[in-house]
Amino acid sequence: MRKIIIFLMALFALITLVEKMPAQESNQNDFHAWWREGYGGPRRNPQAKTLPLIRVQGNVFINSQGDTILFRGLAISDPDKIANEGHWDKKHFEQVKEMGAAVVRIPIHPVAWRERTPQKYLELLDRAVEWCTDLGMYIMIDWHSIGNLEMELFQNPMYDTTQKETYEFWRTIARHFRGHNTVAFYEIFNEPTIYRGQLGSMSWSEWKKINENII
């Protein structure tokens, strides 16, 4: 009888050990590999010079041939939102093109940038750049926050950011898309506002200084 009890106890221990093994393996793979991340560098792309380079001359935009360009554009939703809803594909941009747009404004909410992680968010943007290049449309990247960046007070949690995060965002974007003609415009901050004093105070000189630092 004693041998049977010992055998059952050993069997129970073995079953328990086997049941725990997958969980342990899963935990080993469920980590954030922070040491592999960085701010990103220039991405070599054979399509980088496909569209003509846009530059400013006086108060107009001109292309590499000196022709004046009048842009008609369309703003889409945050790529993270569109992707989570299953519509982040070339067809989405084809529909934008059909509406007569020559430039697409892509808003990036700080909360989405953080939660998806910069590395994975850049993958979304790379696809957008590829599709827009194929369709002959330019891109405007927008840091989509509303509020007072000087005091870091914002209208809604989805707009919450910091000066450091904002600087790092633009450093990452600038390095990643450097030299790519399709990414022609950068909207530094969607909507600076103190919202009738509810979001603190910020002078014009303070706001000007932040923008100059970013540039």
C-alpha atoms as a PDB file:
ATOM      1  CA  MET A   1       0.000   0.000   0.000  1.00  0.00           C
ATOM      2  CA  ARG A   2       2.843   2.308   0.862  1.00  0.00           C
ATOM      3  CA  LYS A   3       4.487   1.733  -2.531  1.00  0.00           C
ATOM      4  CA  ILE A   4       1.240   2.640  -4.279  1.00  0.00           C
ATOM      5  CA  ILE A   5       0.993   5.887  -2.336  1.00  0.00           C
ATOM      6  CA  ILE A   6       4.626   6.775  -3.161  1.00  0.00           C
ATOM      7  CA  PHE A   7       4.014   5.972  -6.835  1.00  0.00           C
ATOM      8  CA  LEU A   8       0.897   8.156  -6.960  1.00  0.00           C
ATOM      9  CA  MET A   9       2.711  11.014  -5.279  1.00  0.00           C
ATOM     10  CA  ALA A  10       5.596  10.799  -7.767  1.00  0.00           C
ATOM     11  CA  LEU A  11       3.150  10.655 -10.685  1.00  0.00           C
ATOM     12  CA  PHE A  12       1.300  13.716  -9.379  1.00  0.00           C
ATOM     13  CA  ALA A  13       4.592  15.631  -9.020  1.00  0.00           C
ATOM     14  CA  LEU A  14       5.606  14.685 -12.575  1.00  0.00           C
ATOM     15  CA  ILE A  15       2.257  15.822 -14.023  1.00  0.00           C
ATOM     16  CA  THR A  16       2.512  19.114 -12.129  1.00  0.00           C
ATOM     17  CA  LEU A  17       6.034  19.692 -13.458  1.00  0.00           C
ATOM     18  CA  VAL A  18       4.983  19.028 -17.062  1.00  0.00           C
ATOM     19  CA  GLU A  19       2.031  21.414 -16.746  1.00  0.00           C
ATOM     20  CA  LYS A  20       4.312  24.192 -15.550  1.00  0.00           C
ATOM     21  CA  MET A  21       6.914  23.822 -18.303  1.00  0.00           C
ATOM     22  CA  PRO A  22       5.013  25.669 -21.125  1.00  0.00           C
ATOM     23  CA  ALA A  23       4.240  28.531 -18.752  1.00  0.00           C
ATOM     24  CA  GLN A  24       7.919  28.843 -17.873  1.00  0.00           C
ATOM     25  CA  GLU A  25       8.898  28.828 -21.555  1.00  0.00           C
ATOM     26  CA  SER A  26       6.280  31.473 -22.302  1.00  0.00           C
ATOM     27  CA  ASN A  27       7.545  33.676 -19.482  1.00  0.00           C
ATOM     28  CA  GLN A  28      11.081  33.441 -20.833  1.00  0.00           C
ATOM     29  CA  ASN A  29       9.909  34.780 -24.214  1.00  0.00           C
ATOM     30  CA  ASP A  30       7.570  37.392 -22.759  1.00  0.00           C
ATOM     31  CA  PHE A  31      10.028  40.195 -22.124  1.00  0.00           C
ATOM     32  CA  HIS A  32      10.952  43.590 -23.517  1.00  0.00           C
ATOM     33  CA  ALA A  33      14.302  43.410 -25.322  1.00  0.00           C
ATOM     34  CA  TRP A  34      15.180  47.002 -24.457  1.00  0.00           C
ATOM     35  CA  TRP A  35      18.869  46.523 -25.287  1.00  0.00           C
ATOM     36  CA  ARG A  36      17.995  46.023 -28.970  1.00  0.00           C
ATOM     37  CA  GLU A  37      16.159  49.307 -29.314  1.00  0.00           C
ATOM     38  CA  GLY A  38      17.488  52.682 -30.363  1.00  0.00           C
ATOM     39  CA  TYR A  39      16.376  55.933 -31.905  1.00  0.00           C
ATOM     40  CA  GLY A  40      16.746  54.560 -35.406  1.00  0.00           C
ATOM     41  CA  GLY A  41      18.966  55.671 -38.245  1.00  0.00           C
ATOM     42  CA  PRO A  42      18.601  56.599 -41.901  1.00  0.00           C
ATOM     43  CA  ARG A  43      16.754  53.920 -43.821  1.00  0.00           C
ATOM     44  CA  ARG A  44      18.175  53.221 -47.258  1.00  0.00           C
ATOM     45  CA  ASN A  45      15.338  53.056 -49.731  1.00  0.00           C
ATOM     46  CA  PRO A  46      15.649  52.755 -53.522  1.00  0.00           C
ATOM     47  CA  GLN A  47      12.375  54.693 -53.826  1.00  0.00           C
ATOM     48  CA  ALA A  48      13.649  57.679 -51.835  1.00  0.00           C
ATOM     49  CA  LYS A  49      14.142  59.874 -54.907  1.00  0.00           C
ATOM     50  CA  THR A  50      11.171  58.601 -56.932  1.00  0.00           C
ATOM     51  CA  LEU A  51       9.038  61.702 -56.340  1.00  0.00           C
ATOM     52  CA  PRO A  52      10.470  65.145 -57.172  1.00  0.00           C
ATOM     53  CA  LEU A  53      12.017  67.008 -54.242  1.00  0.00           C
ATOM     54  CA  ILE A  54       9.741  69.749 -52.898  1.00  0.00           C
ATOM     55  CA  ARG A  55      11.255  72.998 -51.642  1.00  0.00           C
ATOM     56  CA  VAL A  56      10.140  76.477 -50.720  1.00  0.00           C
ATOM     57  CA  GLN A  57      10.809  79.488 -52.922  1.00  0.00           C
ATOM     58  CA  GLY A  58       9.420  82.734 -51.602  1.00  0.00           C
ATOM     59  CA  ASN A  59       5.854  81.942 -50.569  1.00  0.00           C
ATOM     60  CA  VAL A  60       5.278  78.948 -52.848  1.00  0.00           C
ATOM     61  CA  PHE A  61       6.279  75.293 -53.098  1.00  0.00           C
ATOM     62  CA  ILE A  62       8.218  74.273 -56.174  1.00  0.00           C
ATOM     63  CA  ASN A  63       9.496  70.956 -57.513  1.00  0.00           C
ATOM     64  CA  SER A  64      12.947  70.163 -58.867  1.00  0.00           C
ATOM     65  CA  GLN A  65      11.982  71.619 -62.257  1.00  0.00           C
ATOM     66  CA  GLY A  66      11.011  74.930 -60.677  1.00  0.00           C
ATOM     67  CA  ASP A  67       7.288  74.411 -61.247  1.00  0.00           C
ATOM     68  CA  THR A  68       4.934  75.856 -58.622  1.00  0.00           C
ATOM     69  CA  ILE A  69       3.008  73.132 -56.812  1.00  0.00           C
ATOM     70  CA  LEU A  70      -0.418  73.630 -55.261  1.00  0.00           C
ATOM     71  CA  PHE A  71      -1.070  70.856 -52.766  1.00  0.00           C
ATOM     72  CA  ARG A  72      -4.504  69.468 -52.057  1.00  0.00           C
ATOM     73  CA  GLY A  73      -4.413  67.095 -49.145  1.00  0.00           C
ATOM     74  CA  LEU A  74      -6.398  64.830 -46.882  1.00  0.00           C
ATOM     75  CA  ALA A  75      -5.850  63.950 -43.218  1.00  0.00           C
ATOM     76  CA  ILE A  76      -6.365  60.323 -42.241  1.00  0.00           C
ATOM     77  CA  SER A  77      -6.709  58.770 -38.784  1.00  0.00           C
ATOM     78  CA  ASP A  78      -3.819  57.620 -36.632  1.00  0.00           C
ATOM     79  CA  PRO A  79      -2.098  54.639 -38.340  1.00  0.00           C
ATOM     80  CA  ASP A  80      -2.211  52.657 -35.076  1.00  0.00           C
ATOM     81  CA  LYS A  81      -6.001  53.062 -34.946  1.00  0.00           C
ATOM     82  CA  ILE A  82      -6.439  52.171 -38.618  1.00  0.00           C
ATOM     83  CA  ALA A  83      -4.185  49.123 -38.248  1.00  0.00           C
ATOM     84  CA  ASN A  84      -6.062  47.909 -35.170  1.00  0.00           C
ATOM     85  CA  GLU A  85      -9.297  48.196 -37.139  1.00  0.00           C
ATOM     86  CA  GLY A  86      -7.818  46.121 -39.973  1.00  0.00           C
ATOM     87  CA  HIS A  87      -7.635  48.794 -42.676  1.00  0.00           C
ATOM     88  CA  TRP A  88      -3.945  49.707 -42.831  1.00  0.00           C
ATOM     89  CA  ASP A  89      -3.337  48.716 -46.439  1.00  0.00           C
ATOM     90  CA  LYS A  90      -2.650  50.225 -49.842  1.00  0.00           C
ATOM     91  CA  LYS A  91      -6.357  50.288 -50.677  1.00  0.00           C
ATOM     92  CA  HIS A  92      -6.862  52.870 -47.923  1.00  0.00           C
ATOM     93  CA  PHE A  93      -4.428  55.214 -49.680  1.00  0.00           C
ATOM     94  CA  GLU A  94      -5.832  54.457 -53.117  1.00  0.00           C
ATOM     95  CA  GLN A  95      -9.153  55.812 -51.876  1.00  0.00           C
ATOM     96  CA  VAL A  96      -7.366  58.947 -50.650  1.00  0.00           C
ATOM     97  CA  LYS A  97      -5.802  59.332 -54.094  1.00  0.00           C
ATOM     98  CA  GLU A  98      -9.200  58.945 -55.767  1.00  0.00           C
ATOM     99  CA  MET A  99     -10.424  61.963 -53.783  1.00  0.00           C
ATOM    100  CA  GLY A 100      -7.826  64.134 -55.510  1.00  0.00           C
ATOM    101  CA  ALA A 101      -5.240  64.370 -52.749  1.00  0.00           C
ATOM    102  CA  ALA A 102      -1.602  65.045 -53.557  1.00  0.00           C
ATOM    103  CA  VAL A 103      -0.462  64.968 -49.919  1.00  0.00           C
ATOM    104  CA  VAL A 104      -1.587  62.808 -46.979  1.00  0.00           C
ATOM    105  CA  ARG A 105      -1.433  64.107 -43.413  1.00  0.00           C
ATOM    106  CA  ILE A 106      -0.614  61.285 -40.992  1.00  0.00           C
ATOM    107  CA  PRO A 107      -1.351  62.116 -37.324  1.00  0.00           C
ATOM    108  CA  ILE A 108       0.624  60.277 -34.675  1.00  0.00           C
ATOM    109  CA  HIS A 109      -0.784  60.431 -31.146  1.00  0.00           C
ATOM    110  CA  PRO A 110       1.849  60.259 -28.379  1.00  0.00           C
ATOM    111  CA  VAL A 111      -0.023  57.455 -26.595  1.00  0.00           C
ATOM    112  CA  ALA A 112      -0.061  55.346 -29.772  1.00  0.00           C
ATOM    113  CA  TRP A 113       3.653  56.016 -30.393  1.00  0.00           C
ATOM    114  CA  ARG A 114       4.488  54.770 -26.890  1.00  0.00           C
ATOM    115  CA  GLU A 115       2.173  51.775 -26.738  1.00  0.00           C
ATOM    116  CA  ARG A 116       3.058  50.354 -30.152  1.00  0.00           C
ATOM    117  CA  THR A 117       6.726  51.309 -29.513  1.00  0.00           C
ATOM    118  CA  PRO A 118       8.703  53.555 -31.894  1.00  0.00           C
ATOM    119  CA  GLN A 119      10.284  50.608 -33.699  1.00  0.00           C
ATOM    120  CA  LYS A 120       6.958  48.993 -34.563  1.00  0.00           C
ATOM    121  CA  TYR A 121       5.331  52.334 -35.340  1.00  0.00           C
ATOM    122  CA  LEU A 122       8.061  53.106 -37.867  1.00  0.00           C
ATOM    123  CA  GLU A 123       7.110  49.874 -39.634  1.00  0.00           C
ATOM    124  CA  LEU A 124       3.600  51.267 -40.136  1.00  0.00           C
ATOM    125  CA  LEU A 125       5.001  54.516 -41.479  1.00  0.00           C
ATOM    126  CA  ASP A 126       7.414  52.719 -43.806  1.00  0.00           C
ATOM    127  CA  ARG A 127       4.478  50.948 -45.434  1.00  0.00           C
ATOM    128  CA  ALA A 128       2.609  54.243 -45.825  1.00  0.00           C
ATOM    129  CA  VAL A 129       5.648  55.840 -47.448  1.00  0.00           C
ATOM    130  CA  GLU A 130       5.962  52.907 -49.855  1.00  0.00           C
ATOM    131  CA  TRP A 131       2.279  53.051 -50.832  1.00  0.00           C
ATOM    132  CA  CYS A 132       2.243  56.830 -51.214  1.00  0.00           C
ATOM    133  CA  THR A 133       5.393  56.749 -53.337  1.00  0.00           C
ATOM    134  CA  ASP A 134       3.776  54.202 -55.645  1.00  0.00           C
ATOM    135  CA  LEU A 135       0.655  56.387 -55.866  1.00  0.00           C
ATOM    136  CA  GLY A 136       2.550  59.641 -56.418  1.00  0.00           C
ATOM    137  CA  MET A 137       1.436  61.289 -53.165  1.00  0.00           C
ATOM    138  CA  TYR A 138       3.524  63.139 -50.605  1.00  0.00           C
ATOM    139  CA  ILE A 139       3.292  62.709 -46.815  1.00  0.00           C
ATOM    140  CA  MET A 140       2.999  65.125 -43.908  1.00  0.00           C
ATOM    141  CA  ILE A 141       3.896  63.617 -40.518  1.00  0.00           C
ATOM    142  CA  ASP A 142       2.053  65.245 -37.617  1.00  0.00           C
ATOM    143  CA  TRP A 143       2.888  64.936 -33.880  1.00  0.00           C
ATOM    144  CA  HIS A 144      -0.751  64.939 -32.866  1.00  0.00           C
ATOM    145  CA  SER A 145      -1.008  66.565 -29.473  1.00  0.00           C
ATOM    146  CA  ILE A 146      -3.240  69.355 -28.165  1.00  0.00           C
ATOM    147  CA  GLY A 147      -2.145  71.473 -25.235  1.00  0.00           C
ATOM    148  CA  ASN A 148       0.681  73.330 -23.560  1.00  0.00           C
ATOM    149  CA  LEU A 149       4.026  71.703 -24.281  1.00  0.00           C
ATOM    150  CA  GLU A 150       5.906  74.242 -22.133  1.00  0.00           C
ATOM    151  CA  MET A 151       4.072  73.209 -18.932  1.00  0.00           C
ATOM    152  CA  GLU A 152       3.194  69.719 -20.262  1.00  0.00           C
ATOM    153  CA  LEU A 153      -0.544  70.129 -19.684  1.00  0.00           C
ATOM    154  CA  PHE A 154      -2.842  68.617 -22.298  1.00  0.00           C
ATOM    155  CA  GLN A 155      -6.471  68.466 -23.298  1.00  0.00           C
ATOM    156  CA  ASN A 156      -6.830  64.690 -23.120  1.00  0.00           C
ATOM    157  CA  PRO A 157      -4.688  61.723 -21.945  1.00  0.00           C
ATOM    158  CA  MET A 158      -4.179  60.598 -25.559  1.00  0.00           C
ATOM    159  CA  TYR A 159      -2.285  63.866 -26.153  1.00  0.00           C
ATOM    160  CA  ASP A 160      -0.041  63.550 -23.070  1.00  0.00           C
ATOM    161  CA  THR A 161       3.627  63.898 -23.890  1.00  0.00           C
ATOM    162  CA  THR A 162       6.770  65.623 -22.634  1.00  0.00           C
ATOM    163  CA  GLN A 163       9.300  67.940 -24.191  1.00  0.00           C
ATOM    164  CA  LYS A 164      11.871  65.146 -24.057  1.00  0.00           C
ATOM    165  CA  GLU A 165       9.557  62.688 -25.822  1.00  0.00           C
ATOM    166  CA  THR A 166       8.683  65.308 -28.439  1.00  0.00           C
ATOM    167  CA  TYR A 167      12.347  66.046 -29.133  1.00  0.00           C
ATOM    168  CA  GLU A 168      13.122  62.329 -29.345  1.00  0.00           C
ATOM    169  CA  PHE A 169      10.153  61.704 -31.637  1.00  0.00           C
ATOM    170  CA  TRP A 170      11.344  64.282 -34.146  1.00  0.00           C
ATOM    171  CA  ARG A 171      14.948  63.158 -33.913  1.00  0.00           C
ATOM    172  CA  THR A 172      13.815  59.609 -34.700  1.00  0.00           C
ATOM    173  CA  ILE A 173      11.571  60.671 -37.583  1.00  0.00           C
ATOM    174  CA  ALA A 174      14.164  63.031 -39.071  1.00  0.00           C
ATOM    175  CA  ARG A 175      16.906  60.405 -39.028  1.00  0.00           C
ATOM    176  CA  HIS A 176      14.687  57.596 -40.290  1.00  0.00           C
ATOM    177  CA  PHE A 177      13.261  59.476 -43.288  1.00  0.00           C
ATOM    178  CA  ARG A 178      16.242  61.677 -44.075  1.00  0.00           C
ATOM    179  CA  GLY A 179      16.619  62.090 -47.825  1.00  0.00           C
ATOM    180  CA  HIS A 180      13.253  60.533 -48.693  1.00  0.00           C
ATOM    181  CA  ASN A 181      11.406  62.949 -50.977  1.00  0.00           C
ATOM    182  CA  THR A 182       7.991  61.411 -50.282  1.00  0.00           C
ATOM    183  CA  VAL A 183       8.078  62.616 -46.665  1.00  0.00           C
ATOM    184  CA  ALA A 184       7.930  66.289 -47.563  1.00  0.00           C
ATOM    185  CA  PHE A 185       6.269  67.977 -44.583  1.00  0.00           C
ATOM    186  CA  TYR A 186       6.573  67.854 -40.807  1.00  0.00           C
ATOM    187  CA  GLU A 187       3.913  69.298 -38.507  1.00  0.00           C
ATOM    188  CA  ILE A 188       5.854  69.852 -35.293  1.00  0.00           C
ATOM    189  CA  PHE A 189       2.857  70.045 -32.961  1.00  0.00           C
ATOM    190  CA  ASN A 190      -0.774  69.682 -33.949  1.00  0.00           C
ATOM    191  CA  GLU A 191      -2.452  72.308 -31.773  1.00  0.00           C
ATOM    192  CA  PRO A 192      -0.608  74.408 -29.198  1.00  0.00           C
ATOM    193  CA  THR A 193      -3.123  75.954 -26.803  1.00  0.00           C
ATOM    194  CA  ILE A 194      -3.569  77.044 -23.211  1.00  0.00           C
ATOM    195  CA  TYR A 195      -7.334  76.566 -23.661  1.00  0.00           C
ATOM    196  CA  ARG A 196      -8.488  79.854 -22.136  1.00  0.00           C
ATOM    197  CA  GLY A 197      -6.073  79.477 -19.241  1.00  0.00           C
ATOM    198  CA  GLN A 198      -7.188  75.967 -18.283  1.00  0.00           C
ATOM    199  CA  LEU A 199      -3.861  74.532 -19.456  1.00  0.00           C
ATOM    200  CA  GLY A 200      -1.559  76.937 -17.681  1.00  0.00           C
ATOM    201  CA  SER A 201       0.342  79.693 -19.430  1.00  0.00           C
ATOM    202  CA  MET A 202       2.875  79.925 -22.239  1.00  0.00           C
ATOM    203  CA  SER A 203       4.288  83.001 -23.932  1.00  0.00           C
ATOM    204  CA  TRP A 204       4.988  83.318 -27.629  1.00  0.00           C
ATOM    205  CA  SER A 205       8.738  83.499 -26.945  1.00  0.00           C
ATOM    206  CA  GLU A 206       8.585  80.220 -24.979  1.00  0.00           C
ATOM    207  CA  TRP A 207       6.688  78.461 -27.757  1.00  0.00           C
ATOM    208  CA  LYS A 208       9.018  79.902 -30.405  1.00  0.00           C
ATOM    209  CA  LYS A 209      12.039  78.623 -28.470  1.00  0.00           C
ATOM    210  CA  ILE A 210      10.623  75.068 -28.271  1.00  0.00           C
ATOM    211  CA  ASN A 211      10.042  75.006 -32.023  1.00  0.00           C
ATOM    212  CA  GLU A 212      13.516  76.353 -32.737  1.00  0.00           C
ATOM    213  CA  ASN A 213      15.000  73.660 -30.492  1.00  0.00           C
ATOM    214  CA  ILE A 214      13.121  70.946 -32.380  1.00  0.00           C
ATOM    215  CA  ILE A 215      14.142  72.271 -35.781  1.00  0.00           C
END
